[in-house]
Amino acid sequence: MKRHDFCPLFLLVILVSSCTTSRISVEQEKYGNFKLQDYKTFSFLEVDQSKTGVPVFTQAIDYLKQEITTQMASRGLSEDPNDSELKINLGLVIENKEQTRETNLATDPFMYSGQRNYIWKSEEVVVNRYKEGTLTMHLVDSETNAAVWIGTISDIIPTKQEKKQAAIEVAVSSLFEKLDSVNNSTLQQ
């Protein structure tokens, strides 16, 4: 059984664990002409945090904004909430998931049911429960109000609070590496 927690944001944002492989997707063909260096300022669109029901959600969004601001500054953009050329829209989906395995005769013994009746059946057994997060970052041109780049990353969220900030740094860094690859291929053309 899976339970889904949805944080109502336009952009899906994933919190990533550094010990697992992240899944990153970007529609290169659709946003291949995007050049980050064409912009000088950025701002964040408002994130509705009222319906999350998760107390650490605000902290995670703050970490995301802080890391994105650092990545943008390293690429020559500055934050200007009043007059930005590029808007960043963030969203977050967190899913409770289960890792299962199928029982087998080698690892799971027969069950005794009395009167010399032994039974065994193969079944799915839950071996781990975890949360998977998905982050999508929309970069929106302020003048046209159209998305100029969209990147999505998904991974397992660490259970320990002290590892979550590092996971966010890895996730955002991975998204910006994809963004840089689009910009580098555009520059070479």
Protein backbone atom coordinates (compact mmCIF):
# COMPACT_ATOMS: atom_id res chain seq x y z
CA MET A 1 0.00 0.00 0.00
CA LYS A 2 1.39 3.43 -0.92
CA ARG A 3 0.39 6.68 0.65
CA HIS A 4 1.02 9.87 -1.32
CA ASP A 5 1.65 13.25 0.24
CA PHE A 6 1.34 16.05 -2.32
CA CYS A 7 2.58 19.52 -1.67
CA PRO A 8 0.62 21.77 -4.05
CA LEU A 9 3.40 23.45 -5.96
CA PHE A 10 3.70 24.08 -9.65
CA LEU A 11 7.22 22.76 -9.73
CA LEU A 12 8.22 19.39 -8.38
CA VAL A 13 11.28 19.48 -6.18
CA ILE A 14 13.13 16.46 -4.98
CA LEU A 15 15.29 16.05 -2.01
CA VAL A 16 18.12 13.73 -2.84
CA SER A 17 20.30 11.42 -0.85
CA SER A 18 23.97 11.49 -1.79
CA CYS A 19 24.28 7.72 -1.36
CA THR A 20 21.83 6.82 -4.12
CA THR A 21 21.59 7.42 -7.84
CA SER A 22 19.31 10.31 -8.75
CA ARG A 23 16.92 10.32 -11.65
CA ILE A 24 17.13 13.61 -13.54
CA SER A 25 15.06 14.56 -16.56
CA VAL A 26 15.19 17.64 -18.75
CA GLU A 27 13.49 18.12 -22.09
CA GLN A 28 16.68 19.09 -23.93
CA GLU A 29 14.91 19.42 -27.30
CA LYS A 30 12.25 21.76 -25.96
CA TYR A 31 14.58 24.06 -24.01
CA GLY A 32 17.74 23.69 -26.10
CA ASN A 33 17.88 27.42 -27.00
CA PHE A 34 17.78 28.60 -23.38
CA LYS A 35 20.83 30.59 -22.26
CA LEU A 36 21.11 31.38 -18.56
CA GLN A 37 23.73 34.03 -19.31
CA ASP A 38 21.02 36.09 -21.07
CA TYR A 39 19.57 36.87 -17.63
CA LYS A 40 21.01 38.99 -14.84
CA THR A 41 18.37 38.81 -12.08
CA PHE A 42 16.03 36.20 -10.65
CA SER A 43 13.40 35.78 -7.96
CA PHE A 44 11.34 32.98 -6.47
CA LEU A 45 7.63 32.64 -7.04
CA GLU A 46 5.61 32.31 -3.85
CA VAL A 47 5.41 28.75 -2.50
CA ASP A 48 2.10 27.86 -0.81
CA GLN A 49 3.17 26.05 2.35
CA SER A 50 -0.16 26.23 4.17
CA LYS A 51 -1.51 22.85 3.04
CA THR A 52 1.56 20.70 3.55
CA GLY A 53 0.92 19.51 7.08
CA VAL A 54 4.65 18.83 7.35
CA PRO A 55 6.50 21.04 9.85
CA VAL A 56 9.91 20.60 8.22
CA PHE A 57 8.56 21.56 4.79
CA THR A 58 9.26 25.26 5.36
CA GLN A 59 12.82 24.45 6.35
CA ALA A 60 13.30 22.31 3.23
CA ILE A 61 11.99 25.10 0.97
CA ASP A 62 14.35 27.57 2.69
CA TYR A 63 17.28 25.18 2.09
CA LEU A 64 16.25 24.84 -1.56
CA LYS A 65 16.03 28.59 -2.07
CA GLN A 66 19.37 29.12 -0.32
CA GLU A 67 21.14 26.52 -2.48
CA ILE A 68 19.52 27.76 -5.71
CA THR A 69 20.55 31.33 -4.83
CA THR A 70 24.14 30.13 -4.34
CA GLN A 71 24.10 28.29 -7.69
CA MET A 72 22.60 31.29 -9.51
CA ALA A 73 25.12 33.69 -7.93
CA SER A 74 27.98 31.45 -9.05
CA ARG A 75 26.64 31.86 -12.60
CA GLY A 76 26.48 35.66 -12.36
CA LEU A 77 22.81 36.18 -11.50
CA SER A 78 21.61 38.16 -8.50
CA GLU A 79 18.34 37.89 -6.63
CA ASP A 80 15.95 40.81 -7.15
CA PRO A 81 12.47 40.09 -5.77
CA ASN A 82 11.04 43.35 -7.17
CA ASP A 83 12.29 43.39 -10.77
CA SER A 84 13.60 40.00 -11.85
CA GLU A 85 14.14 38.85 -15.41
CA LEU A 86 13.81 35.19 -14.46
CA LYS A 87 11.36 33.66 -12.00
CA ILE A 88 11.96 30.34 -10.27
CA ASN A 89 8.95 28.21 -9.44
CA LEU A 90 9.44 25.29 -7.04
CA GLY A 91 7.26 22.32 -6.19
CA LEU A 92 7.69 19.28 -4.05
CA VAL A 93 6.12 15.84 -4.12
CA ILE A 94 6.92 13.36 -1.39
CA GLU A 95 5.76 9.75 -1.63
CA ASN A 96 5.86 7.10 1.07
CA LYS A 97 7.16 3.94 -0.59
CA GLU A 98 7.87 0.37 0.35
CA GLN A 99 10.67 -1.91 -0.80
CA THR A 100 9.49 -5.51 -1.02
CA ARG A 101 10.87 -8.92 -1.79
CA GLU A 102 9.23 -12.22 -2.65
CA THR A 103 9.57 -15.03 -0.12
CA ASN A 104 11.29 -18.26 -1.17
CA LEU A 105 11.92 -21.70 0.30
CA ALA A 106 15.61 -21.06 0.92
CA THR A 107 15.08 -18.09 3.24
CA ASP A 108 11.54 -18.49 4.55
CA PRO A 109 10.66 -21.77 6.33
CA PHE A 110 7.46 -23.80 6.23
CA MET A 111 4.78 -22.81 8.71
CA TYR A 112 3.43 -25.53 11.02
CA SER A 113 -0.34 -25.42 11.25
CA GLY A 114 -0.90 -28.44 13.53
CA GLN A 115 -1.78 -32.11 12.88
CA ARG A 116 1.37 -32.55 10.75
CA ASN A 117 0.16 -29.95 8.28
CA TYR A 118 2.93 -27.78 6.93
CA ILE A 119 2.17 -25.00 4.52
CA TRP A 120 4.28 -22.63 2.51
CA LYS A 121 3.29 -19.98 0.05
CA SER A 122 5.20 -17.31 -1.81
CA GLU A 123 4.24 -13.76 -0.92
CA GLU A 124 5.51 -10.20 -1.04
CA VAL A 125 7.16 -9.07 2.20
CA VAL A 126 7.95 -5.44 3.04
CA VAL A 127 11.66 -5.10 3.86
CA ASN A 128 11.97 -1.31 3.98
CA ARG A 129 9.85 1.83 4.10
CA TYR A 130 11.19 5.11 2.76
CA LYS A 131 10.23 8.47 1.31
CA GLU A 132 11.00 9.49 -2.23
CA GLY A 133 10.97 13.13 -3.18
CA THR A 134 10.64 14.75 -6.59
CA LEU A 135 11.81 18.27 -7.36
CA THR A 136 11.07 20.10 -10.58
CA MET A 137 12.50 23.54 -11.07
CA HIS A 138 10.77 25.80 -13.60
CA LEU A 139 12.72 28.80 -14.84
CA VAL A 140 10.18 31.29 -16.18
CA ASP A 141 10.96 34.33 -18.33
CA SER A 142 9.34 37.31 -16.58
CA GLU A 143 8.65 39.18 -19.81
CA THR A 144 6.86 36.36 -21.65
CA ASN A 145 5.68 34.49 -18.53
CA ALA A 146 6.69 31.24 -20.25
CA ALA A 147 8.88 28.43 -18.95
CA VAL A 148 12.30 28.61 -20.59
CA TRP A 149 13.77 25.57 -18.79
CA ILE A 150 12.31 22.78 -16.66
CA GLY A 151 14.35 20.20 -14.80
CA THR A 152 13.13 17.38 -12.55
CA ILE A 153 15.07 15.22 -10.12
CA SER A 154 13.87 12.31 -7.95
CA ASP A 155 15.58 10.42 -5.17
CA ILE A 156 15.22 8.93 -1.71
CA ILE A 157 14.94 11.43 1.13
CA PRO A 158 17.31 10.78 4.03
CA THR A 159 15.59 9.92 7.30
CA LYS A 160 18.03 11.86 9.48
CA GLN A 161 17.33 15.59 9.58
CA GLU A 162 21.04 16.52 9.56
CA LYS A 163 21.51 14.74 6.20
CA LYS A 164 18.59 16.45 4.48
CA GLN A 165 20.38 19.75 3.83
CA ALA A 166 23.30 17.92 2.22
CA ALA A 167 20.81 15.95 0.10
CA ILE A 168 19.20 19.19 -1.06
CA GLU A 169 22.62 20.57 -2.02
CA VAL A 170 23.31 17.45 -4.10
CA ALA A 171 19.89 17.64 -5.79
CA VAL A 172 20.17 21.31 -6.70
CA SER A 173 23.78 20.90 -7.82
CA SER A 174 22.74 17.99 -10.07
CA LEU A 175 19.97 20.07 -11.64
CA PHE A 176 22.37 22.92 -12.32
CA GLU A 177 24.86 20.51 -13.89
CA LYS A 178 22.10 19.55 -16.34
CA LEU A 179 21.32 23.23 -16.88
CA ASP A 180 25.02 23.90 -17.56
CA SER A 181 25.14 21.06 -20.09
CA VAL A 182 22.28 22.68 -22.02
CA ASN A 183 24.00 26.08 -21.84
CA ASN A 184 27.39 24.64 -22.88
CA SER A 185 25.91 22.85 -25.90
CA THR A 186 24.11 26.08 -26.89
CA LEU A 187 27.36 28.06 -26.62
CA GLN A 188 29.21 25.61 -28.88
CA GLN A 189 26.68 25.99 -31.70
